[in-house]
PDB file of N, CA and C in Angstrom:
ATOM      1  N   MET A   1    -137.890-164.283-195.515  1.00  0.00           N
ATOM      2  CA  MET A   1    -136.976-164.135-194.408  1.00  0.00           C
ATOM      3  C   MET A   1    -137.704-163.441-193.256  1.00  0.00           C
ATOM      4  N   HIS A   2    -137.414-163.906-192.066  1.00  0.00           N
ATOM      5  CA  HIS A   2    -137.990-163.307-190.869  1.00  0.00           C
ATOM      6  C   HIS A   2    -136.867-162.832-189.969  1.00  0.00           C
ATOM      7  N   ARG A   3    -136.987-161.624-189.483  1.00  0.00           N
ATOM      8  CA  ARG A   3    -136.019-161.093-188.531  1.00  0.00           C
ATOM      9  C   ARG A   3    -136.776-160.561-187.328  1.00  0.00           C
ATOM     10  N   SER A   4    -136.212-160.790-186.182  1.00  0.00           N
ATOM     11  CA  SER A   4    -136.842-160.262-184.975  1.00  0.00           C
ATOM     12  C   SER A   4    -135.786-159.949-183.931  1.00  0.00           C
ATOM     13  N   LYS A   5    -136.170-159.120-182.995  1.00  0.00           N
ATOM     14  CA  LYS A   5    -135.271-158.741-181.907  1.00  0.00           C
ATOM     15  C   LYS A   5    -136.123-158.435-180.689  1.00  0.00           C
ATOM     16  N   LEU A   6    -135.667-158.865-179.529  1.00  0.00           N
ATOM     17  CA  LEU A   6    -136.346-158.517-178.295  1.00  0.00           C
ATOM     18  C   LEU A   6    -136.215-157.017-178.088  1.00  0.00           C
ATOM     19  N   ALA A   7    -137.347-156.322-178.092  1.00  0.00           N
ATOM     20  CA  ALA A   7    -137.328-154.869-177.930  1.00  0.00           C
ATOM     21  C   ALA A   7    -137.710-154.476-176.515  1.00  0.00           C
ATOM     22  N   GLY A   8    -138.350-155.373-175.798  1.00  0.00           N
ATOM     23  CA  GLY A   8    -138.748-155.081-174.430  1.00  0.00           C
ATOM     24  C   GLY A   8    -139.674-156.153-173.928  1.00  0.00           C
ATOM     25  N   PHE A   9    -139.954-156.112-172.647  1.00  0.00           N
ATOM     26  CA  PHE A   9    -140.888-157.048-172.063  1.00  0.00           C
ATOM     27  C   PHE A   9    -141.451-156.453-170.793  1.00  0.00           C
ATOM     28  N   ILE A  10    -142.560-156.993-170.344  1.00  0.00           N
ATOM     29  CA  ILE A  10    -143.202-156.522-169.121  1.00  0.00           C
ATOM     30  C   ILE A  10    -143.136-157.636-168.096  1.00  0.00           C
ATOM     31  N   ILE A  11    -142.705-157.302-166.890  1.00  0.00           N
ATOM     32  CA  ILE A  11    -142.672-158.249-165.789  1.00  0.00           C
ATOM     33  C   ILE A  11    -143.916-157.977-164.950  1.00  0.00           C
ATOM     34  N   ASP A  12    -144.857-158.891-164.965  1.00  0.00           N
ATOM     35  CA  ASP A  12    -146.128-158.717-164.260  1.00  0.00           C
ATOM     36  C   ASP A  12    -145.963-159.187-162.822  1.00  0.00           C
ATOM     37  N   CYS A  13    -145.803-158.252-161.904  1.00  0.00           N
ATOM     38  CA  CYS A  13    -145.574-158.572-160.501  1.00  0.00           C
ATOM     39  C   CYS A  13    -146.905-158.641-159.762  1.00  0.00           C
ATOM     40  N   GLN A  14    -147.264-159.807-159.299  1.00  0.00           N
ATOM     41  CA  GLN A  14    -148.503-160.003-158.546  1.00  0.00           C
ATOM     42  C   GLN A  14    -148.245-159.638-157.091  1.00  0.00           C
ATOM     43  N   THR A  15    -148.196-158.340-156.825  1.00  0.00           N
ATOM     44  CA  THR A  15    -147.864-157.861-155.493  1.00  0.00           C
ATOM     45  C   THR A  15    -148.494-156.499-155.261  1.00  0.00           C
ATOM     46  N   THR A  16    -148.675-156.147-154.011  1.00  0.00           N
ATOM     47  CA  THR A  16    -149.132-154.798-153.682  1.00  0.00           C
ATOM     48  C   THR A  16    -147.940-153.879-153.434  1.00  0.00           C
ATOM     49  N   ASP A  17    -146.725-154.432-153.427  1.00  0.00           N
ATOM     50  CA  ASP A  17    -145.511-153.664-153.191  1.00  0.00           C
ATOM     51  C   ASP A  17    -144.778-153.420-154.508  1.00  0.00           C
ATOM     52  N   LEU A  18    -145.310-152.517-155.321  1.00  0.00           N
ATOM     53  CA  LEU A  18    -144.699-152.220-156.610  1.00  0.00           C
ATOM     54  C   LEU A  18    -143.273-151.700-156.442  1.00  0.00           C
ATOM     55  N   GLY A  19    -143.056-150.865-155.423  1.00  0.00           N
ATOM     56  CA  GLY A  19    -141.715-150.331-155.185  1.00  0.00           C
ATOM     57  C   GLY A  19    -140.700-151.420-154.896  1.00  0.00           C
ATOM     58  N   GLY A  20    -141.074-152.388-154.060  1.00  0.00           N
ATOM     59  CA  GLY A  20    -140.172-153.499-153.738  1.00  0.00           C
ATOM     60  C   GLY A  20    -139.881-154.358-154.953  1.00  0.00           C
ATOM     61  N   ALA A  21    -140.913-154.634-155.739  1.00  0.00           N
ATOM     62  CA  ALA A  21    -140.730-155.432-156.956  1.00  0.00           C
ATOM     63  C   ALA A  21    -139.833-154.695-157.941  1.00  0.00           C
ATOM     64  N   ALA A  22    -140.067-153.395-158.102  1.00  0.00           N
ATOM     65  CA  ALA A  22    -139.248-152.602-159.023  1.00  0.00           C
ATOM     66  C   ALA A  22    -137.800-152.553-158.552  1.00  0.00           C
ATOM     67  N   ARG A  23    -137.580-152.434-157.235  1.00  0.00           N
ATOM     68  CA  ARG A  23    -136.200-152.435-156.709  1.00  0.00           C
ATOM     69  C   ARG A  23    -135.494-153.752-157.024  1.00  0.00           C
ATOM     70  N   PHE A  24    -136.196-154.899-156.791  1.00  0.00           N
ATOM     71  CA  PHE A  24    -135.582-156.195-157.081  1.00  0.00           C
ATOM     72  C   PHE A  24    -135.187-156.277-158.554  1.00  0.00           C
ATOM     73  N   TRP A  25    -136.133-156.029-159.463  1.00  0.00           N
ATOM     74  CA  TRP A  25    -135.852-156.184-160.888  1.00  0.00           C
ATOM     75  C   TRP A  25    -134.852-155.136-161.381  1.00  0.00           C
ATOM     76  N   SER A  26    -134.882-153.941-160.837  1.00  0.00           N
ATOM     77  CA  SER A  26    -133.914-152.915-161.194  1.00  0.00           C
ATOM     78  C   SER A  26    -132.498-153.382-160.849  1.00  0.00           C
ATOM     79  N   ARG A  27    -132.331-153.897-159.632  1.00  0.00           N
ATOM     80  CA  ARG A  27    -131.015-154.377-159.208  1.00  0.00           C
ATOM     81  C   ARG A  27    -130.633-155.660-159.930  1.00  0.00           C
ATOM     82  N   ALA A  28    -131.590-156.555-160.127  1.00  0.00           N
ATOM     83  CA  ALA A  28    -131.297-157.832-160.787  1.00  0.00           C
ATOM     84  C   ALA A  28    -130.846-157.626-162.222  1.00  0.00           C
ATOM     85  N   LEU A  29    -131.448-156.666-162.913  1.00  0.00           N
ATOM     86  CA  LEU A  29    -131.137-156.448-164.321  1.00  0.00           C
ATOM     87  C   LEU A  29    -130.126-155.326-164.535  1.00  0.00           C
ATOM     88  N   GLY A  30    -129.724-154.646-163.455  1.00  0.00           N
ATOM     89  CA  GLY A  30    -128.764-153.559-163.590  1.00  0.00           C
ATOM     90  C   GLY A  30    -129.318-152.382-164.363  1.00  0.00           C
ATOM     91  N   MET A  31    -130.589-152.085-164.150  1.00  0.00           N
ATOM     92  CA  MET A  31    -131.249-151.009-164.874  1.00  0.00           C
ATOM     93  C   MET A  31    -131.821-149.986-163.898  1.00  0.00           C
ATOM     94  N   ALA A  32    -131.643-148.726-164.231  1.00  0.00           N
ATOM     95  CA  ALA A  32    -132.204-147.661-163.409  1.00  0.00           C
ATOM     96  C   ALA A  32    -133.729-147.648-163.547  1.00  0.00           C
ATOM     97  N   GLN A  33    -134.388-147.182-162.501  1.00  0.00           N
ATOM     98  CA  GLN A  33    -135.841-147.047-162.527  1.00  0.00           C
ATOM     99  C   GLN A  33    -136.223-145.666-163.052  1.00  0.00           C
ATOM    100  N   GLN A  34    -137.335-145.615-163.763  1.00  0.00           N
ATOM    101  CA  GLN A  34    -137.875-144.336-164.221  1.00  0.00           C
ATOM    102  C   GLN A  34    -139.355-144.296-163.864  1.00  0.00           C
ATOM    103  N   ALA A  35    -139.745-143.314-163.087  1.00  0.00           N
ATOM    104  CA  ALA A  35    -141.153-143.160-162.731  1.00  0.00           C
ATOM    105  C   ALA A  35    -141.948-142.771-163.972  1.00  0.00           C
ATOM    106  N   LEU A  36    -143.169-143.256-164.041  1.00  0.00           N
ATOM    107  CA  LEU A  36    -144.060-142.911-165.143  1.00  0.00           C
ATOM    108  C   LEU A  36    -145.119-141.941-164.645  1.00  0.00           C
ATOM    109  N   PRO A  37    -145.684-141.135-165.527  1.00  0.00           N
ATOM    110  CA  PRO A  37    -146.626-140.102-165.102  1.00  0.00           C
ATOM    111  C   PRO A  37    -148.011-140.642-164.739  1.00  0.00           C
ATOM    112  N   ALA A  38    -148.677-139.885-163.891  1.00  0.00           N
ATOM    113  CA  ALA A  38    -150.093-140.051-163.542  1.00  0.00           C
ATOM    114  C   ALA A  38    -150.478-141.485-163.211  1.00  0.00           C
ATOM    115  N   ALA A  39    -151.633-141.915-163.699  1.00  0.00           N
ATOM    116  CA  ALA A  39    -152.176-143.239-163.376  1.00  0.00           C
ATOM    117  C   ALA A  39    -151.261-144.366-163.839  1.00  0.00           C
ATOM    118  N   GLU A  40    -150.536-144.146-164.924  1.00  0.00           N
ATOM    119  CA  GLU A  40    -149.613-145.174-165.411  1.00  0.00           C
ATOM    120  C   GLU A  40    -148.553-145.482-164.351  1.00  0.00           C
ATOM    121  N   GLY A  41    -148.105-144.460-163.641  1.00  0.00           N
ATOM    122  CA  GLY A  41    -147.096-144.625-162.613  1.00  0.00           C
ATOM    123  C   GLY A  41    -147.586-145.349-161.374  1.00  0.00           C
ATOM    124  N   GLU A  42    -148.894-145.488-161.216  1.00  0.00           N
ATOM    125  CA  GLU A  42    -149.445-146.248-160.092  1.00  0.00           C
ATOM    126  C   GLU A  42    -149.350-147.750-160.318  1.00  0.00           C
ATOM    127  N   LYS A  43    -149.223-148.172-161.581  1.00  0.00           N
ATOM    128  CA  LYS A  43    -149.185-149.593-161.922  1.00  0.00           C
ATOM    129  C   LYS A  43    -147.855-150.053-162.509  1.00  0.00           C
ATOM    130  N   TYR A  44    -147.078-149.106-163.053  1.00  0.00           N
ATOM    131  CA  TYR A  44    -145.884-149.491-163.797  1.00  0.00           C
ATOM    132  C   TYR A  44    -144.673-148.659-163.401  1.00  0.00           C
ATOM    133  N   VAL A  45    -143.501-149.287-163.525  1.00  0.00           N
ATOM    134  CA  VAL A  45    -142.216-148.601-163.387  1.00  0.00           C
ATOM    135  C   VAL A  45    -141.398-149.009-164.601  1.00  0.00           C
ATOM    136  N   ARG A  46    -140.809-148.061-165.274  1.00  0.00           N
ATOM    137  CA  ARG A  46    -139.964-148.379-166.428  1.00  0.00           C
ATOM    138  C   ARG A  46    -138.543-148.623-165.946  1.00  0.00           C
ATOM    139  N   LEU A  47    -137.904-149.668-166.490  1.00  0.00           N
ATOM    140  CA  LEU A  47    -136.500-149.957-166.210  1.00  0.00           C
ATOM    141  C   LEU A  47    -135.701-149.609-167.457  1.00  0.00           C
ATOM    142  N   LEU A  48    -134.658-148.835-167.287  1.00  0.00           N
ATOM    143  CA  LEU A  48    -133.867-148.333-168.411  1.00  0.00           C
ATOM    144  C   LEU A  48    -132.587-149.134-168.579  1.00  0.00           C
ATOM    145  N   ASP A  49    -132.412-149.732-169.731  1.00  0.00           N
ATOM    146  CA  ASP A  49    -131.200-150.479-170.050  1.00  0.00           C
ATOM    147  C   ASP A  49    -130.401-149.681-171.068  1.00  0.00           C
ATOM    148  N   PRO A  50    -129.413-148.920-170.628  1.00  0.00           N
ATOM    149  CA  PRO A  50    -128.687-148.051-171.558  1.00  0.00           C
ATOM    150  C   PRO A  50    -127.910-148.814-172.625  1.00  0.00           C
ATOM    151  N   GLN A  51    -127.611-150.083-172.386  1.00  0.00           N
ATOM    152  CA  GLN A  51    -126.840-150.855-173.362  1.00  0.00           C
ATOM    153  C   GLN A  51    -127.708-151.825-174.150  1.00  0.00           C
ATOM    154  N   GLU A  52    -128.998-151.843-173.872  1.00  0.00           N
ATOM    155  CA  GLU A  52    -129.967-152.670-174.595  1.00  0.00           C
ATOM    156  C   GLU A  52    -129.580-154.147-174.657  1.00  0.00           C
ATOM    157  N   ARG A  53    -129.233-154.715-173.502  1.00  0.00           N
ATOM    158  CA  ARG A  53    -128.916-156.139-173.432  1.00  0.00           C
ATOM    159  C   ARG A  53    -129.190-156.618-172.018  1.00  0.00           C
ATOM    160  N   LEU A  54    -129.378-157.899-171.860  1.00  0.00           N
ATOM    161  CA  LEU A  54    -129.629-158.491-170.556  1.00  0.00           C
ATOM    162  C   LEU A  54    -128.675-159.656-170.343  1.00  0.00           C
ATOM    163  N   HIS A  55    -127.965-159.651-169.234  1.00  0.00           N
ATOM    164  CA  HIS A  55    -127.128-160.776-168.839  1.00  0.00           C
ATOM    165  C   HIS A  55    -127.326-160.955-167.345  1.00  0.00           C
ATOM    166  N   ILE A  56    -127.657-162.161-166.920  1.00  0.00           N
ATOM    167  CA  ILE A  56    -128.046-162.398-165.534  1.00  0.00           C
ATOM    168  C   ILE A  56    -127.180-163.501-164.943  1.00  0.00           C
ATOM    169  N   GLU A  57    -126.803-163.360-163.691  1.00  0.00           N
ATOM    170  CA  GLU A  57    -126.009-164.373-162.997  1.00  0.00           C
ATOM    171  C   GLU A  57    -126.809-164.908-161.813  1.00  0.00           C
ATOM    172  N   VAL A  58    -126.814-166.229-161.639  1.00  0.00           N
ATOM    173  CA  VAL A  58    -127.618-166.875-160.593  1.00  0.00           C
ATOM    174  C   VAL A  58    -127.188-166.447-159.197  1.00  0.00           C
ATOM    175  N   GLN A  59    -125.909-166.492-158.911  1.00  0.00           N
ATOM    176  CA  GLN A  59    -125.432-166.202-157.561  1.00  0.00           C
ATOM    177  C   GLN A  59    -125.792-164.772-157.157  1.00  0.00           C
ATOM    178  N   ARG A  60    -125.657-163.849-158.080  1.00  0.00           N
ATOM    179  CA  ARG A  60    -125.987-162.460-157.796  1.00  0.00           C
ATOM    180  C   ARG A  60    -127.487-162.304-157.551  1.00  0.00           C
ATOM    181  N   LEU A  61    -128.317-163.017-158.317  1.00  0.00           N
ATOM    182  CA  LEU A  61    -129.768-162.931-158.134  1.00  0.00           C
ATOM    183  C   LEU A  61    -130.194-163.533-156.804  1.00  0.00           C
ATOM    184  N   ALA A  62    -129.560-164.611-156.392  1.00  0.00           N
ATOM    185  CA  ALA A  62    -129.878-165.218-155.096  1.00  0.00           C
ATOM    186  C   ALA A  62    -129.562-164.241-153.971  1.00  0.00           C
ATOM    187  N   ALA A  63    -128.472-163.514-154.096  1.00  0.00           N
ATOM    188  CA  ALA A  63    -128.115-162.527-153.082  1.00  0.00           C
ATOM    189  C   ALA A  63    -129.128-161.388-153.033  1.00  0.00           C
ATOM    190  N   LEU A  64    -129.840-161.162-154.134  1.00  0.00           N
ATOM    191  CA  LEU A  64    -130.865-160.122-154.182  1.00  0.00           C
ATOM    192  C   LEU A  64    -132.220-160.615-153.685  1.00  0.00           C
ATOM    193  N   GLY A  65    -132.333-161.911-153.405  1.00  0.00           N
ATOM    194  CA  GLY A  65    -133.583-162.435-152.859  1.00  0.00           C
ATOM    195  C   GLY A  65    -134.279-163.482-153.708  1.00  0.00           C
ATOM    196  N   ALA A  66    -133.774-163.788-154.899  1.00  0.00           N
ATOM    197  CA  ALA A  66    -134.373-164.840-155.719  1.00  0.00           C
ATOM    198  C   ALA A  66    -133.995-166.207-155.158  1.00  0.00           C
ATOM    199  N   LYS A  67    -134.836-167.206-155.407  1.00  0.00           N
ATOM    200  CA  LYS A  67    -134.590-168.568-154.918  1.00  0.00           C
ATOM    201  C   LYS A  67    -134.372-169.514-156.090  1.00  0.00           C
ATOM    202  N   VAL A  68    -133.451-170.431-155.912  1.00  0.00           N
ATOM    203  CA  VAL A  68    -133.264-171.490-156.901  1.00  0.00           C
ATOM    204  C   VAL A  68    -134.382-172.498-156.700  1.00  0.00           C
ATOM    205  N   VAL A  69    -135.160-172.760-157.751  1.00  0.00           N
ATOM    206  CA  VAL A  69    -136.259-173.723-157.699  1.00  0.00           C
ATOM    207  C   VAL A  69    -135.762-175.093-158.144  1.00  0.00           C
ATOM    208  N   GLU A  70    -134.988-175.105-159.228  1.00  0.00           N
ATOM    209  CA  GLU A  70    -134.504-176.373-159.780  1.00  0.00           C
ATOM    210  C   GLU A  70    -133.301-176.123-160.676  1.00  0.00           C
ATOM    211  N   ARG A  71    -132.328-177.015-160.602  1.00  0.00           N
ATOM    212  CA  ARG A  71    -131.189-176.978-161.520  1.00  0.00           C
ATOM    213  C   ARG A  71    -131.398-178.097-162.534  1.00  0.00           C
ATOM    214  N   VAL A  72    -131.312-177.734-163.814  1.00  0.00           N
ATOM    215  CA  VAL A  72    -131.552-178.693-164.894  1.00  0.00           C
ATOM    216  C   VAL A  72    -130.347-178.659-165.826  1.00  0.00           C
ATOM    217  N   GLN A  73    -129.541-179.688-165.787  1.00  0.00           N
ATOM    218  CA  GLN A  73    -128.319-179.790-166.584  1.00  0.00           C
ATOM    219  C   GLN A  73    -127.505-178.509-166.485  1.00  0.00           C
ATOM    220  N   THR A  74    -127.478-177.681-167.537  1.00  0.00           N
ATOM    221  CA  THR A  74    -126.628-176.491-167.538  1.00  0.00           C
ATOM    222  C   THR A  74    -127.401-175.199-167.258  1.00  0.00           C
ATOM    223  N   TRP A  75    -128.679-175.302-166.887  1.00  0.00           N
ATOM    224  CA  TRP A  75    -129.451-174.093-166.612  1.00  0.00           C
ATOM    225  C   TRP A  75    -130.201-174.216-165.309  1.00  0.00           C
ATOM    226  N   CYS A  76    -130.809-173.127-164.873  1.00  0.00           N
ATOM    227  CA  CYS A  76    -131.406-173.061-163.552  1.00  0.00           C
ATOM    228  C   CYS A  76    -132.753-172.339-163.609  1.00  0.00           C
ATOM    229  N   VAL A  77    -133.762-172.900-162.940  1.00  0.00           N
ATOM    230  CA  VAL A  77    -135.055-172.242-162.782  1.00  0.00           C
ATOM    231  C   VAL A  77    -135.005-171.498-161.445  1.00  0.00           C
ATOM    232  N   MET A  78    -135.338-170.214-161.482  1.00  0.00           N
ATOM    233  CA  MET A  78    -135.323-169.397-160.274  1.00  0.00           C
ATOM    234  C   MET A  78    -136.680-168.738-160.075  1.00  0.00           C
ATOM    235  N   GLU A  79    -136.895-168.243-158.865  1.00  0.00           N
ATOM    236  CA  GLU A  79    -138.131-167.533-158.563  1.00  0.00           C
ATOM    237  C   GLU A  79    -137.780-166.202-157.908  1.00  0.00           C
ATOM    238  N   ALA A  80    -138.308-165.117-158.464  1.00  0.00           N
ATOM    239  CA  ALA A  80    -138.098-163.779-157.909  1.00  0.00           C
ATOM    240  C   ALA A  80    -138.872-163.653-156.598  1.00  0.00           C
ATOM    241  N   PRO A  81    -138.509-162.696-155.747  1.00  0.00           N
ATOM    242  CA  PRO A  81    -139.243-162.498-154.504  1.00  0.00           C
ATOM    243  C   PRO A  81    -140.731-162.224-154.732  1.00  0.00           C
ATOM    244  N   THR A  82    -141.080-161.772-155.921  1.00  0.00           N
ATOM    245  CA  THR A  82    -142.475-161.471-156.246  1.00  0.00           C
ATOM    246  C   THR A  82    -143.191-162.643-156.919  1.00  0.00           C
ATOM    247  N   GLY A  83    -142.541-163.817-156.978  1.00  0.00           N
ATOM    248  CA  GLY A  83    -143.202-165.030-157.433  1.00  0.00           C
ATOM    249  C   GLY A  83    -142.988-165.430-158.877  1.00  0.00           C
ATOM    250  N   GLN A  84    -142.427-164.561-159.720  1.00  0.00           N
ATOM    251  CA  GLN A  84    -142.206-164.956-161.117  1.00  0.00           C
ATOM    252  C   GLN A  84    -141.076-165.961-161.196  1.00  0.00           C
ATOM    253  N   ARG A  85    -141.292-166.969-162.000  1.00  0.00           N
ATOM    254  CA  ARG A  85    -140.214-167.927-162.259  1.00  0.00           C
ATOM    255  C   ARG A  85    -139.558-167.564-163.576  1.00  0.00           C
ATOM    256  N   PHE A  86    -138.256-167.751-163.616  1.00  0.00           N
ATOM    257  CA  PHE A  86    -137.498-167.439-164.813  1.00  0.00           C
ATOM    258  C   PHE A  86    -136.319-168.387-164.888  1.00  0.00           C
ATOM    259  N   CYS A  87    -135.750-168.521-166.068  1.00  0.00           N
ATOM    260  CA  CYS A  87    -134.619-169.423-166.271  1.00  0.00           C
ATOM    261  C   CYS A  87    -133.352-168.616-166.533  1.00  0.00           C
ATOM    262  N   VAL A  88    -132.258-169.105-166.007  1.00  0.00           N
ATOM    263  CA  VAL A  88    -130.944-168.533-166.265  1.00  0.00           C
ATOM    264  C   VAL A  88    -130.161-169.606-167.010  1.00  0.00           C
ATOM    265  N   VAL A  89    -129.698-169.260-168.206  1.00  0.00           N
ATOM    266  CA  VAL A  89    -128.986-170.227-169.050  1.00  0.00           C
ATOM    267  C   VAL A  89    -127.566-169.743-169.306  1.00  0.00           C
ATOM    268  N   ARG A  90    -126.721-170.671-169.710  1.00  0.00           N
ATOM    269  CA  ARG A  90    -125.337-170.322-170.044  1.00  0.00           C
ATOM    270  C   ARG A  90    -125.312-169.384-171.242  1.00  0.00           C
ATOM    271  N   ALA A  91    -124.317-168.536-171.260  1.00  0.00           N
ATOM    272  CA  ALA A  91    -124.130-167.641-172.403  1.00  0.00           C
ATOM    273  C   ALA A  91    -123.805-168.470-173.637  1.00  0.00           C
ATOM    274  N   ALA A  92    -124.459-168.142-174.755  1.00  0.00           N
ATOM    275  CA  ALA A  92    -124.223-168.867-175.996  1.00  0.00           C
ATOM    276  C   ALA A  92    -123.579-167.983-177.055  1.00  0.00           C
ATOM    277  N   SER A  93    -123.563-166.693-176.830  1.00  0.00           N
ATOM    278  CA  SER A  93    -123.046-165.757-177.817  1.00  0.00           C
ATOM    279  C   SER A  93    -121.534-165.681-177.771  1.00  0.00           C
ATOM    280  N   PRO A  94    -120.868-165.692-178.922  1.00  0.00           N
ATOM    281  CA  PRO A  94    -119.416-165.517-178.929  1.00  0.00           C
ATOM    282  C   PRO A  94    -119.014-164.116-178.468  1.00  0.00           C
ATOM    283  N   GLU A  95    -119.948-163.178-178.451  1.00  0.00           N
ATOM    284  CA  GLU A  95    -119.700-161.808-178.013  1.00  0.00           C
ATOM    285  C   GLU A  95    -119.835-161.637-176.499  1.00  0.00           C
ATOM    286  N   PHE A  96    -120.258-162.683-175.791  1.00  0.00           N
ATOM    287  CA  PHE A  96    -120.591-162.550-174.378  1.00  0.00           C
ATOM    288  C   PHE A  96    -119.449-161.968-173.554  1.00  0.00           C
ATOM    289  N   SER A  97    -118.246-162.527-173.680  1.00  0.00           N
ATOM    290  CA  SER A  97    -117.138-162.071-172.834  1.00  0.00           C
ATOM    291  C   SER A  97    -116.777-160.618-173.114  1.00  0.00           C
ATOM    292  N   ARG A  98    -117.001-160.155-174.313  1.00  0.00           N
ATOM    293  CA  ARG A  98    -116.686-158.776-174.671  1.00  0.00           C
ATOM    294  C   ARG A  98    -117.807-157.816-174.254  1.00  0.00           C
ATOM    295  N   SER A  99    -119.058-158.272-174.306  1.00  0.00           N
ATOM    296  CA  SER A  99    -120.169-157.346-174.118  1.00  0.00           C
ATOM    297  C   SER A  99    -120.955-157.531-172.820  1.00  0.00           C
ATOM    298  N   ALA A 100    -120.593-158.506-171.999  1.00  0.00           N
ATOM    299  CA  ALA A 100    -121.352-158.772-170.780  1.00  0.00           C
ATOM    300  C   ALA A 100    -121.159-157.669-169.751  1.00  0.00           C
ATOM    301  N   ASN A 101    -122.215-157.442-168.968  1.00  0.00           N
ATOM    302  CA  ASN A 101    -122.113-156.503-167.854  1.00  0.00           C
ATOM    303  C   ASN A 101    -121.113-157.046-166.855  1.00  0.00           C
ATOM    304  N   GLU A 102    -120.421-156.158-166.166  1.00  0.00           N
ATOM    305  CA  GLU A 102    -119.536-156.557-165.075  1.00  0.00           C
ATOM    306  C   GLU A 102    -120.158-156.083-163.781  1.00  0.00           C
ATOM    307  N   TRP A 103    -120.391-157.019-162.862  1.00  0.00           N
ATOM    308  CA  TRP A 103    -121.045-156.700-161.608  1.00  0.00           C
ATOM    309  C   TRP A 103    -120.042-156.776-160.466  1.00  0.00           C
ATOM    310  N   PRO A 104    -120.110-155.842-159.536  1.00  0.00           N
ATOM    311  CA  PRO A 104    -119.202-155.910-158.396  1.00  0.00           C
ATOM    312  C   PRO A 104    -119.536-157.108-157.514  1.00  0.00           C
ATOM    313  N   ALA A 105    -118.537-157.668-156.852  1.00  0.00           N
ATOM    314  CA  ALA A 105    -118.749-158.799-155.946  1.00  0.00           C
ATOM    315  C   ALA A 105    -119.576-158.335-154.752  1.00  0.00           C
ATOM    316  N   GLY A 106    -120.438-159.248-154.274  1.00  0.00           N
ATOM    317  CA  GLY A 106    -121.245-158.929-153.093  1.00  0.00           C
ATOM    318  C   GLY A 106    -122.419-158.155-153.460  1.00  0.00           C
TER     319      GLY A 106
END
C-alpha cells in the first residue's frame, strides 16, 4: 500500500521582484507571508496555510493579475504575473462545499 499527501511545494518565480511575486501568490492562495532569516530570506518567502488546503478560483486570480491562457473542457490553464503556468480544475472532493475557503467579492 502506498499513501501520500501534498505537504508543500515551492513556486520558482523567475523574477527580480521577489516581493511582488510573494504578494501575488500570498493573495492568490489566501496565505500570510512569513519572512525567512538571513540569506534564505533573500531568495525565499514562506506562505502560511493555517488550514493546510488549497482551493483556487479563476475569476479571483484574474483580478489579482493572472491571465487565462487556455480553457480546456472543464478546466483552465492560467499564467501568474511572474510567468508560471498552472491549471485550475473543478472541485472533485465531496468535502469541497464544507471545507472550501470563502473569499470576499472583488
